[in-house]
Amino acid sequence: MGESLALYYLKEDNVFIDGEGEIVFEIFEIITPNDLYLFKRHKTYMIVNHRTEPQIFVELYWPEDEEERYFDEERIERYERAKSSGCFTF
């Protein structure tokens, strides 16, 4: 069983943010360039292994609505609350 890290992609800004809304500046310290390529190619939720921490899974979230121009903070807050309750375990 491993831990997980959720990253949310902001398509308009071409950046990932974490569950606290902080921009992830060094994405390739967390995922591989190939993981990023596949994520952007398939445009869907993915789970990948952390690049340097084998016990951590990285959940990559693609925006639900292609037209969406803002960050859905409420949805992420709900996910973070659910995650902290232990309902997402591996």
Protein backbone atom coordinates (compact mmCIF):
# COMPACT_ATOMS: atom_id res chain seq x y z
CA MET A 1 0.00 0.00 0.00
CA GLY A 2 1.38 3.38 -0.98
CA GLU A 3 0.58 6.99 -0.54
CA SER A 4 -0.80 9.12 -3.33
CA LEU A 5 -0.24 12.66 -4.52
CA ALA A 6 -2.95 14.44 -6.53
CA LEU A 7 -1.98 16.94 -9.22
CA TYR A 8 -4.55 18.94 -11.17
CA TYR A 9 -3.80 20.20 -14.66
CA LEU A 10 -4.81 23.75 -15.56
CA LYS A 11 -5.04 23.57 -19.33
CA GLU A 12 -5.26 27.30 -19.95
CA ASP A 13 -2.05 27.97 -17.98
CA ASN A 14 -0.33 24.67 -18.91
CA VAL A 15 0.63 23.98 -15.29
CA PHE A 16 -0.14 21.47 -12.56
CA ILE A 17 -1.28 22.47 -9.10
CA ASP A 18 -1.42 20.39 -5.95
CA GLY A 19 -4.39 19.96 -3.62
CA GLU A 20 -3.55 23.20 -1.84
CA GLY A 21 -3.61 25.21 -5.05
CA GLU A 22 0.17 25.64 -5.27
CA ILE A 23 1.77 25.50 -8.72
CA VAL A 24 4.18 22.61 -9.23
CA PHE A 25 7.19 24.25 -10.88
CA GLU A 26 9.44 21.18 -11.19
CA ILE A 27 7.00 18.63 -12.59
CA PHE A 28 9.80 16.35 -13.85
CA GLU A 29 10.95 15.79 -10.28
CA ILE A 30 7.59 14.08 -9.75
CA ILE A 31 6.68 12.43 -13.06
CA THR A 32 8.64 11.44 -16.15
CA PRO A 33 8.45 13.32 -19.45
CA ASN A 34 6.82 10.21 -20.93
CA ASP A 35 4.10 10.27 -18.24
CA LEU A 36 3.40 13.90 -19.09
CA TYR A 37 3.29 13.12 -22.81
CA LEU A 38 0.81 10.27 -22.33
CA PHE A 39 -1.34 12.35 -19.98
CA LYS A 40 -1.59 15.20 -22.48
CA ARG A 41 -2.15 12.83 -25.40
CA HIS A 42 -4.99 10.87 -23.76
CA LYS A 43 -6.49 13.87 -21.92
CA THR A 44 -7.82 11.82 -19.06
CA TYR A 45 -7.25 10.95 -15.40
CA MET A 46 -4.14 8.81 -14.89
CA ILE A 47 -2.25 7.19 -12.04
CA VAL A 48 1.54 6.95 -12.46
CA ASN A 49 4.44 6.09 -10.21
CA HIS A 50 6.35 8.94 -8.60
CA ARG A 51 9.63 9.42 -10.41
CA THR A 52 11.90 9.11 -7.35
CA GLU A 53 9.68 7.81 -4.53
CA PRO A 54 8.51 4.27 -5.40
CA GLN A 55 5.99 4.14 -2.54
CA ILE A 56 4.07 7.17 -3.87
CA PHE A 57 1.47 7.10 -6.65
CA VAL A 58 0.74 10.31 -8.53
CA GLU A 59 -2.83 10.96 -9.62
CA LEU A 60 -3.04 13.30 -12.60
CA TYR A 61 -6.38 15.00 -13.16
CA TRP A 62 -7.38 16.36 -16.54
CA PRO A 63 -9.98 19.20 -16.43
CA GLU A 64 -13.46 17.66 -16.63
CA ASP A 65 -14.81 20.23 -19.07
CA GLU A 66 -12.67 21.27 -22.05
CA GLU A 67 -14.41 24.65 -22.05
CA GLU A 68 -13.75 25.28 -18.35
CA ARG A 69 -11.64 28.42 -17.83
CA TYR A 70 -11.38 28.43 -14.08
CA PHE A 71 -10.06 26.16 -11.37
CA ASP A 72 -12.77 24.10 -9.68
CA GLU A 73 -11.64 24.54 -6.07
CA GLU A 74 -14.77 23.03 -4.55
CA ARG A 75 -14.29 19.72 -6.40
CA ILE A 76 -10.66 19.50 -5.27
CA GLU A 77 -11.59 20.32 -1.68
CA ARG A 78 -14.17 17.50 -1.75
CA TYR A 79 -11.53 15.12 -3.11
CA GLU A 80 -8.97 16.15 -0.47
CA ARG A 81 -11.52 15.65 2.33
CA ALA A 82 -12.43 12.22 0.96
CA LYS A 83 -8.77 11.31 0.54
CA SER A 84 -7.95 12.28 4.11
CA SER A 85 -10.79 10.06 5.33
CA GLY A 86 -8.93 7.07 3.91
CA CYS A 87 -11.44 6.09 1.26
CA PHE A 88 -8.75 6.16 -1.46
CA THR A 89 -6.31 3.43 -0.53
CA PHE A 90 -4.07 1.25 -2.63
